[in-house]
Protein backbone atom coordinates (compact mmCIF):
# COMPACT_ATOMS: atom_id res chain seq x y z
CA MET A 1 17.10 27.56 -113.21
CA THR A 2 19.86 24.97 -113.78
CA GLY A 3 19.31 21.52 -115.20
CA SER A 4 20.09 19.88 -111.88
CA CYS A 5 17.38 21.92 -110.14
CA ARG A 6 14.87 20.96 -112.78
CA LEU A 7 15.77 17.30 -112.44
CA PHE A 8 15.48 17.44 -108.68
CA LEU A 9 12.12 19.17 -108.77
CA LEU A 10 10.91 16.63 -111.30
CA CYS A 11 11.79 13.80 -108.96
CA SER A 12 10.12 15.59 -106.06
CA LEU A 13 6.91 15.76 -108.06
CA LEU A 14 7.11 12.11 -109.08
CA GLN A 15 7.48 10.49 -105.69
CA GLY A 16 5.13 7.70 -106.65
CA ALA A 17 7.01 6.96 -109.84
CA GLY A 18 10.16 5.63 -108.22
CA CYS A 19 12.33 8.72 -107.79
CA ILE A 20 11.94 8.34 -104.06
CA GLY A 21 12.77 5.13 -102.27
CA ARG A 22 15.84 4.03 -104.23
CA PHE A 23 19.39 5.18 -105.03
CA GLU A 24 19.45 7.12 -108.24
CA VAL A 25 21.46 10.03 -109.68
CA LEU A 26 20.24 12.37 -112.40
CA MET A 27 22.82 14.16 -114.57
CA PRO A 28 23.58 14.49 -118.29
CA ALA A 29 25.15 11.55 -120.02
CA SER A 30 27.91 13.78 -121.43
CA VAL A 31 29.22 17.34 -121.24
CA THR A 32 31.73 19.19 -123.42
CA THR A 33 34.47 21.66 -122.62
CA LEU A 34 37.73 23.06 -123.98
CA SER A 35 41.09 21.56 -123.19
CA GLY A 36 42.43 23.04 -119.97
CA SER A 37 39.12 24.66 -119.13
CA CYS A 38 36.44 23.72 -116.67
CA VAL A 39 32.98 22.27 -116.99
CA THR A 40 30.06 22.15 -114.59
CA VAL A 41 28.01 18.96 -114.30
CA PRO A 42 24.46 19.51 -112.99
CA CYS A 43 23.60 16.70 -110.63
CA SER A 44 20.83 15.57 -108.26
CA PHE A 45 20.21 12.28 -106.46
CA THR A 46 17.77 10.28 -104.38
CA LEU A 47 18.28 7.75 -101.57
CA GLY A 48 16.59 4.64 -100.33
CA ASP A 49 13.88 5.27 -97.79
CA LYS A 50 15.80 3.95 -94.81
CA TYR A 51 18.86 6.05 -95.64
CA LYS A 52 17.21 9.43 -95.90
CA ASP A 53 17.58 10.15 -92.21
CA MET A 54 21.28 9.34 -92.38
CA LEU A 55 22.03 12.26 -94.70
CA HIS A 56 23.63 15.10 -92.77
CA PRO A 57 25.94 18.09 -93.48
CA GLY A 58 28.98 16.03 -92.60
CA CYS A 59 28.52 13.72 -95.59
CA ILE A 60 31.20 14.01 -98.29
CA PRO A 61 30.61 14.18 -102.08
CA ILE A 62 33.15 12.20 -104.09
CA TRP A 63 33.84 11.81 -107.82
CA LYS A 64 35.75 8.89 -109.24
CA LYS A 65 37.19 7.67 -112.50
CA GLY A 66 37.11 3.92 -112.09
CA GLU A 67 38.71 3.43 -108.70
CA GLN A 68 40.72 6.66 -108.94
CA LEU A 69 39.63 9.54 -106.76
CA ILE A 70 39.26 12.85 -108.64
CA SER A 71 40.56 15.87 -106.77
CA ASN A 72 40.35 18.69 -109.35
CA THR A 73 36.69 19.38 -108.60
CA THR A 74 34.71 22.13 -106.91
CA PHE A 75 31.51 21.00 -105.21
CA ARG A 76 28.77 23.55 -105.80
CA GLY A 77 25.70 21.64 -104.60
CA ASN A 78 24.08 20.91 -101.26
CA LEU A 79 23.89 17.27 -100.23
CA THR A 80 21.13 17.81 -97.69
CA ALA A 81 19.06 19.25 -100.56
CA TYR A 82 19.99 16.26 -102.75
CA ASN A 83 22.02 18.49 -105.06
CA CYS A 84 25.40 17.16 -106.20
CA THR A 85 26.30 19.75 -108.86
CA THR A 86 30.08 19.86 -109.35
CA THR A 87 32.61 21.76 -111.47
CA PHE A 88 35.55 19.84 -112.98
CA ASN A 89 38.61 22.08 -113.32
CA ASN A 90 41.53 21.96 -115.76
CA VAL A 91 40.09 19.12 -117.80
CA LEU A 92 42.76 17.56 -120.02
CA GLU A 93 41.48 14.04 -120.71
CA ASP A 94 38.97 13.48 -123.47
CA ASN A 95 36.04 11.08 -123.43
CA VAL A 96 36.44 9.94 -119.82
CA GLN A 97 33.61 8.66 -117.57
CA TYR A 98 33.14 9.87 -114.01
CA TYR A 99 30.64 8.71 -111.40
CA PHE A 100 29.37 10.24 -108.17
CA ARG A 101 29.70 8.75 -104.67
CA ILE A 102 28.34 9.89 -101.31
CA ASP A 103 30.18 8.99 -98.11
CA CYS A 104 28.77 9.79 -94.68
CA ASP A 105 30.97 9.14 -91.65
CA GLY A 106 29.40 7.56 -88.60
CA ASN A 107 26.59 5.73 -90.43
CA PRO A 108 26.10 3.16 -93.20
CA LEU A 109 25.26 5.75 -95.89
CA LYS A 110 28.05 5.09 -98.38
CA TYR A 111 26.99 4.64 -101.99
CA SER A 112 28.53 4.90 -105.51
CA PHE A 113 26.15 5.80 -108.35
CA LYS A 114 28.01 3.78 -110.99
CA LEU A 115 24.99 3.10 -113.16
CA ASN A 116 24.68 6.71 -114.32
CA PRO A 117 28.15 8.12 -115.06
CA VAL A 118 28.89 11.35 -116.94
CA THR A 119 31.29 11.46 -119.88
CA ILE A 120 33.42 14.61 -120.30
CA GLN A 121 34.47 15.35 -123.86
CA ILE A 122 37.04 17.92 -125.04
CA LYS A 123 36.66 20.16 -128.10
CA GLY A 124 39.69 21.41 -129.97
CA LEU A 125 37.97 24.69 -130.85
CA PRO A 126 34.81 26.30 -129.48
CA ASP A 127 31.72 26.46 -131.60
CA ALA A 128 31.34 29.70 -133.55
CA PRO A 129 28.88 32.15 -132.03
CA ARG A 130 25.43 32.29 -133.57
CA LEU A 131 24.42 35.70 -134.92
CA THR A 132 20.76 36.66 -135.23
CA THR A 133 19.60 39.48 -137.50
CA PRO A 134 16.29 41.37 -137.91
CA LYS A 135 13.62 39.48 -139.79
CA GLU A 136 12.31 42.61 -141.53
CA PRO A 137 14.32 44.80 -143.95
CA VAL A 138 16.22 47.58 -142.20
CA VAL A 139 15.46 51.15 -143.32
CA GLU A 140 17.82 54.05 -142.71
CA GLY A 141 16.99 55.96 -139.54
CA THR A 142 15.37 53.04 -137.73
CA PRO A 143 16.87 51.19 -134.73
CA VAL A 144 18.61 47.88 -135.42
CA GLU A 145 19.13 45.04 -132.97
CA LEU A 146 21.64 42.25 -133.58
CA GLY A 147 22.07 39.27 -131.27
CA CYS A 148 25.07 37.01 -130.72
CA SER A 149 25.01 33.80 -128.67
CA ALA A 150 28.16 31.91 -127.71
CA PRO A 151 28.32 28.63 -125.77
CA SER A 152 29.76 28.83 -122.28
CA TYR A 153 31.72 25.69 -121.48
CA CYS A 154 32.89 26.92 -118.08
CA ASP A 155 30.39 29.03 -116.19
CA THR A 156 33.08 30.39 -113.89
CA HIS A 157 35.00 31.66 -116.93
CA PRO A 158 32.35 32.59 -119.50
CA PRO A 159 33.39 33.94 -122.89
CA THR A 160 33.58 37.66 -123.55
CA VAL A 161 31.50 38.66 -126.56
CA THR A 162 32.49 41.80 -128.52
CA TRP A 163 31.28 43.52 -131.69
CA THR A 164 33.43 44.89 -134.50
CA PRO A 165 32.92 47.66 -135.35
CA ALA A 166 31.25 48.99 -132.23
CA LEU A 167 28.29 50.60 -133.98
CA GLY A 168 26.25 51.29 -130.88
CA VAL A 169 25.49 50.05 -127.37
CA SER A 170 25.99 46.38 -126.46
CA THR A 171 24.78 44.41 -123.44
CA GLN A 172 25.86 40.92 -122.33
CA LEU A 173 23.82 38.35 -120.42
CA GLN A 174 24.77 34.86 -119.24
CA LEU A 175 22.03 32.24 -119.22
CA GLU A 176 23.05 28.75 -118.04
CA ASP A 177 25.45 27.45 -120.68
CA THR A 178 25.09 30.38 -123.12
CA VAL A 179 26.31 33.98 -123.20
CA THR A 180 24.20 36.36 -125.27
CA SER A 181 25.23 39.85 -126.39
CA THR A 182 22.84 42.35 -127.97
CA LEU A 183 24.01 45.26 -130.16
CA THR A 184 21.65 48.21 -130.75
CA PHE A 185 22.30 51.09 -133.18
CA ASN A 186 20.51 53.42 -135.59
CA ALA A 187 20.76 52.36 -139.23
CA SER A 188 22.60 54.65 -141.64
CA HIS A 189 23.38 54.49 -145.34
CA LEU A 190 27.04 54.46 -144.29
CA HIS A 191 26.47 51.00 -142.75
CA HIS A 192 25.18 49.45 -145.96
CA GLY A 193 27.46 46.72 -147.29
CA ASN A 194 29.74 46.79 -144.24
CA ASN A 195 30.55 43.66 -142.29
CA VAL A 196 29.86 43.40 -138.58
CA SER A 197 31.55 40.64 -136.58
CA CYS A 198 30.60 38.98 -133.32
CA THR A 199 33.66 37.57 -131.52
CA ALA A 200 33.71 35.24 -128.51
CA ALA A 201 36.97 35.08 -126.54
CA TYR A 202 37.48 32.15 -124.17
CA TYR A 203 40.04 32.66 -121.40
CA ILE A 204 41.33 29.30 -120.27
CA PRO A 205 42.25 29.23 -116.56
CA SER A 206 45.61 27.74 -117.53
CA GLY A 207 46.44 30.98 -119.35
CA ASN A 208 45.52 30.26 -122.96
CA LYS A 209 43.01 32.20 -125.02
CA THR A 210 40.78 30.94 -127.81
CA VAL A 211 38.86 33.27 -130.11
CA THR A 212 36.11 32.52 -132.61
CA SER A 213 33.83 34.85 -134.54
CA THR A 214 30.89 35.10 -136.93
CA ARG A 215 30.47 37.79 -139.59
CA HIS A 216 27.37 39.34 -141.11
CA GLN A 217 27.03 41.86 -143.97
CA LEU A 218 24.60 44.67 -143.26
CA SER A 219 21.91 45.62 -145.76
CA ILE A 220 20.33 49.04 -145.21
CA LEU A 221 17.55 50.47 -147.38
CA TYR A 222 18.00 54.19 -148.03
CA ALA A 223 17.08 57.03 -150.39
CA PRO A 224 19.54 58.25 -153.07
CA ARG A 225 22.73 59.86 -151.75
CA ASN A 226 25.76 61.65 -153.24
CA THR A 227 24.09 62.26 -156.59
CA SER A 228 26.32 63.98 -159.18
CA ALA A 229 26.04 65.08 -162.81
CA VAL A 230 29.01 65.21 -165.20
CA GLY A 231 29.33 65.94 -168.91
CA SER A 232 31.69 65.01 -171.72
CA PRO A 233 31.42 67.47 -174.65
CA CYS A 234 32.59 66.91 -178.20
CA LEU A 235 35.58 69.26 -178.49
CA PRO A 236 35.52 72.07 -179.10
CA ALA A 237 32.34 72.71 -177.11
CA ARG A 238 30.52 74.90 -179.59
CA GLU A 239 27.03 75.67 -180.67
CA GLY A 240 25.60 72.75 -182.60
CA GLY A 241 28.04 70.29 -181.01
CA CYS A 242 27.18 67.32 -178.83
CA LEU A 243 27.30 66.71 -175.07
CA ASN A 244 27.16 63.37 -173.26
CA LEU A 245 25.67 63.66 -169.75
CA THR A 246 26.05 61.04 -166.99
CA CYS A 247 24.20 60.91 -163.66
CA SER A 248 25.47 58.75 -160.78
CA SER A 249 24.07 58.11 -157.30
CA HIS A 250 24.32 55.76 -154.33
CA ALA A 251 21.04 54.16 -153.28
CA ASN A 252 19.58 50.91 -151.98
CA PRO A 253 17.64 49.72 -153.83
CA ALA A 254 19.20 51.23 -156.93
CA VAL A 255 17.56 54.31 -158.42
CA SER A 256 14.58 53.46 -160.59
CA GLU A 257 14.17 56.83 -162.32
CA VAL A 258 16.62 59.48 -163.59
CA THR A 259 15.39 62.79 -165.04
CA TRP A 260 17.52 65.50 -166.70
CA TYR A 261 16.86 69.24 -166.57
CA ARG A 262 18.40 72.35 -168.14
CA ILE A 263 18.30 75.75 -166.45
CA HIS A 264 17.38 78.48 -168.94
CA GLY A 265 17.27 81.85 -167.23
CA GLU A 266 14.49 81.70 -164.69
CA TYR A 267 13.07 78.49 -166.13
CA ILE A 268 13.90 74.82 -165.55
CA LEU A 269 13.28 72.66 -168.60
CA LYS A 270 13.04 68.87 -168.65
CA ILE A 271 15.26 67.55 -171.45
CA GLY A 272 15.29 63.76 -171.05
CA SER A 273 15.66 60.73 -168.80
CA GLY A 274 18.09 57.90 -168.12
CA SER A 275 21.42 57.67 -166.34
CA SER A 276 23.16 58.68 -169.62
CA LEU A 277 21.90 61.27 -172.08
CA SER A 278 23.31 62.74 -175.33
CA ILE A 279 22.09 66.18 -176.41
CA GLN A 280 22.94 68.92 -178.91
CA LEU A 281 24.32 72.19 -177.58
CA TRP A 282 22.58 75.36 -178.69
CA ASN A 283 22.70 77.80 -175.79
CA ALA A 284 25.72 80.04 -175.17
CA ASN A 285 25.86 79.10 -171.47
CA SER A 286 24.26 75.78 -170.51
CA VAL A 287 23.55 74.53 -166.97
CA PHE A 288 22.28 70.98 -166.35
CA PHE A 289 21.35 68.79 -163.37
CA CYS A 290 19.69 65.41 -162.81
CA GLU A 291 17.15 64.13 -160.30
CA VAL A 292 17.07 60.49 -159.16
CA ARG A 293 14.39 58.49 -157.37
CA ASN A 294 13.85 55.13 -155.67
CA ASP A 295 11.21 53.72 -153.31
CA TYR A 296 12.64 55.64 -150.33
CA GLY A 297 13.11 59.15 -151.69
CA THR A 298 14.58 61.52 -154.30
CA GLU A 299 17.67 63.69 -154.62
CA LYS A 300 18.92 66.35 -157.04
CA SER A 301 22.51 66.46 -158.23
CA ASN A 302 24.91 69.36 -158.30
CA VAL A 303 24.66 71.61 -161.39
CA TYR A 304 26.96 70.97 -164.35
CA LYS A 305 27.96 74.08 -166.32
CA ILE A 306 29.51 74.23 -169.78
CA TYR A 307 30.60 77.29 -171.81
CA ILE A 308 29.79 77.08 -175.52
CA GLN A 309 31.77 79.01 -178.18
CA ILE A 310 29.72 80.90 -180.72
CA PRO A 311 31.00 80.78 -184.35
CA SER A 312 32.80 84.15 -184.16
CA GLN A 313 34.76 82.93 -181.15
CA ILE A 314 35.97 79.75 -182.76
CA PHE A 315 39.63 79.63 -183.79
CA ASN A 316 40.10 80.89 -187.47
CA ILE A 317 43.55 80.72 -189.15
CA PRO A 318 43.02 83.30 -192.02
CA ASP A 319 41.70 85.88 -189.57
CA LEU A 320 44.69 85.27 -187.33
CA VAL A 321 47.16 85.78 -190.20
CA LEU A 322 45.43 89.04 -191.22
CA CYS A 323 45.55 90.30 -187.65
CA ILE A 324 49.26 89.53 -187.36
CA GLY A 325 49.97 91.33 -190.68
CA LYS A 326 48.17 94.47 -189.57
CA SER A 327 50.04 94.47 -186.30
CA ALA A 328 53.39 94.17 -188.15
CA VAL A 329 52.61 97.17 -190.40
CA ILE A 330 51.72 99.29 -187.39
CA ILE A 331 54.94 98.33 -185.62
CA VAL A 332 57.10 99.15 -188.71
CA GLY A 333 55.38 102.52 -189.06
CA LEU A 334 56.07 103.34 -185.43
CA VAL A 335 59.75 102.44 -185.87
CA CYS A 336 60.07 104.78 -188.91
CA VAL A 337 58.51 107.68 -187.03
CA ILE A 338 60.87 107.16 -184.11
CA VAL A 339 63.91 107.13 -186.47
CA CYS A 340 62.81 110.38 -188.18
CA ILE A 341 62.36 112.09 -184.82
CA ILE A 342 65.84 111.04 -183.75
CA ARG A 343 67.44 112.35 -187.01
CA THR A 344 65.57 115.65 -186.76
CA ARG A 345 66.83 116.19 -183.23
CA LYS A 346 70.40 115.43 -184.34
CA VAL A 347 70.31 117.97 -187.22
CA GLY A 348 68.95 120.62 -184.83
CA GLU A 349 71.90 120.06 -182.55
CA GLU A 350 74.32 120.51 -185.50
CA THR A 351 72.60 123.79 -186.47
CA ARG A 352 73.04 125.15 -182.97
CA SER A 353 76.74 124.26 -183.18
CA PHE A 354 77.10 126.26 -186.40
CA ASN A 355 75.47 129.32 -184.91
CA ALA A 356 77.94 129.26 -182.06
CA ALA A 357 81.04 129.24 -184.38
CA THR A 358 83.70 131.94 -183.63
CA VAL A 359 85.22 134.64 -186.06
CA THR A 360 89.04 134.71 -186.63
CA ARG A 361 90.90 138.05 -186.99
CA ALA A 362 94.48 138.88 -188.19
CA PRO A 363 97.17 139.59 -185.62
CA PRO A 364 97.60 143.27 -184.53
CA ASP A 365 100.87 143.79 -186.42
CA GLU A 366 99.35 143.09 -189.84
CA ASP A 367 98.36 146.04 -192.01
CA GLU A 368 94.85 145.08 -192.68
CA SER A 369 92.38 143.18 -190.62
CA GLN A 370 90.59 140.32 -192.37
CA VAL A 371 87.46 138.68 -191.20
CA VAL A 372 87.09 135.03 -192.11
CA ILE A 373 83.64 133.58 -191.80
CA ARG A 374 83.48 129.82 -191.72
CA SER A 375 80.64 128.27 -193.47
CA GLU A 376 78.41 125.68 -191.88
CA GLU A 377 80.13 123.01 -193.92
CA ASP A 378 83.54 124.18 -192.80
CA VAL A 379 82.42 124.15 -189.25
CA TYR A 380 81.13 120.61 -189.67
CA VAL A 381 84.31 119.43 -191.46
CA ASN A 382 86.88 121.30 -189.39
CA SER A 383 85.18 121.28 -186.08
CA GLY A 384 88.47 120.40 -184.47
CA MET A 385 90.31 123.58 -185.71
CA GLN A 386 91.37 126.01 -182.97
CA MET A 387 89.79 129.52 -183.26
CA ASN A 388 91.61 132.83 -182.62
CA PRO A 389 89.97 134.48 -179.65
CA VAL A 390 91.18 137.97 -180.70
CA GLY A 391 88.55 140.37 -182.05
CA PRO A 392 84.79 140.61 -181.66
CA ARG A 393 82.38 137.73 -182.49
CA GLU A 394 80.12 138.05 -185.50
CA GLU A 395 76.85 136.39 -186.28
CA PRO A 396 76.88 133.91 -189.16
CA VAL A 397 75.32 134.89 -192.43
CA GLY A 398 72.88 132.00 -192.27
CA PRO A 399 72.73 128.27 -192.65
CA ARG A 400 72.52 126.50 -195.94
CA GLU A 401 69.40 125.13 -196.93
CA ASP A 402 70.89 121.76 -197.75
CA ALA A 403 72.29 121.52 -194.27
CA LEU A 404 68.80 121.30 -192.85
CA PHE A 405 68.08 118.03 -194.50
């Protein structure tokens, strides 16, 4: 119900108090709008007793500024119902008074209500929207409802209210001079710490646009999330050395308890507490994890594995030098064997060459044939000498022993 209707009904109920029987107009003393926008003035009136019968549908509502007639208005009331509600369009002048006049042709009912004018004021910027949040703490997984109320200076062009980011479903409702938007969504740990903004956009009929907003930071209560365990060993990581463990987690409120465990075969052993822990390494293969807790739940981290060197696996310079020396001796021995094999094969080839040497005979016209047997040494030294093919071949006497070595 508008203010003008309430005022009119009030006067109807108070007939004996003076609302009836005299000329009187009821409207706010002042209204506010944006430059170039519109504003609606709720208005109701009463007439003197003898003039009530003169009111008819042909009567004309008029608004004036001093003696100047105002034309940029839209009458939205009903004179026969004593309602003079009017919208002023494209308001550009600030802090100006206007009064209402009724003019009925054909009878004496012509009256200006100068005693109760309305003052129209202009704001440079609209008021920021008002954002309402839940009174109780918000827990992850529960529904959340946020409200945003923005003043509506021109009911024919109300502001458009939007949410950023659009986390869920929003609904908008216009009530008299206020536009209210409600945003509903399910709370998540991903929302914690994020800002949500309520923005009211005013579209001026003249073509301009004015935007204003209000921001709120969300606070969501949730159990630990993204828990991880990391380690920083004293290098080299060996038996008897140290290991610094760190456990991190996201939670609201912050984790209140951190417990460390080591996995040993089929057993899980508790080894300490606190977000940071320093321990001594003693197992060949160590696996660790942490568990965190707050008022809303617990979570275990991933496992952290570290390989520990036993003393025999640790880098030792004297042992390395001895190993290299042994390897060198083996390589030299292999080279000597290969050389001996190559020389032996070469001597064997020379022996086969000696066995294949030819025998030289005298020409047929000589008196006596002479057989010349070339020794192995001669064959080796004079291997390029041409042999006489005449006469039968003869087997060599035998190789020299010194030629074998």
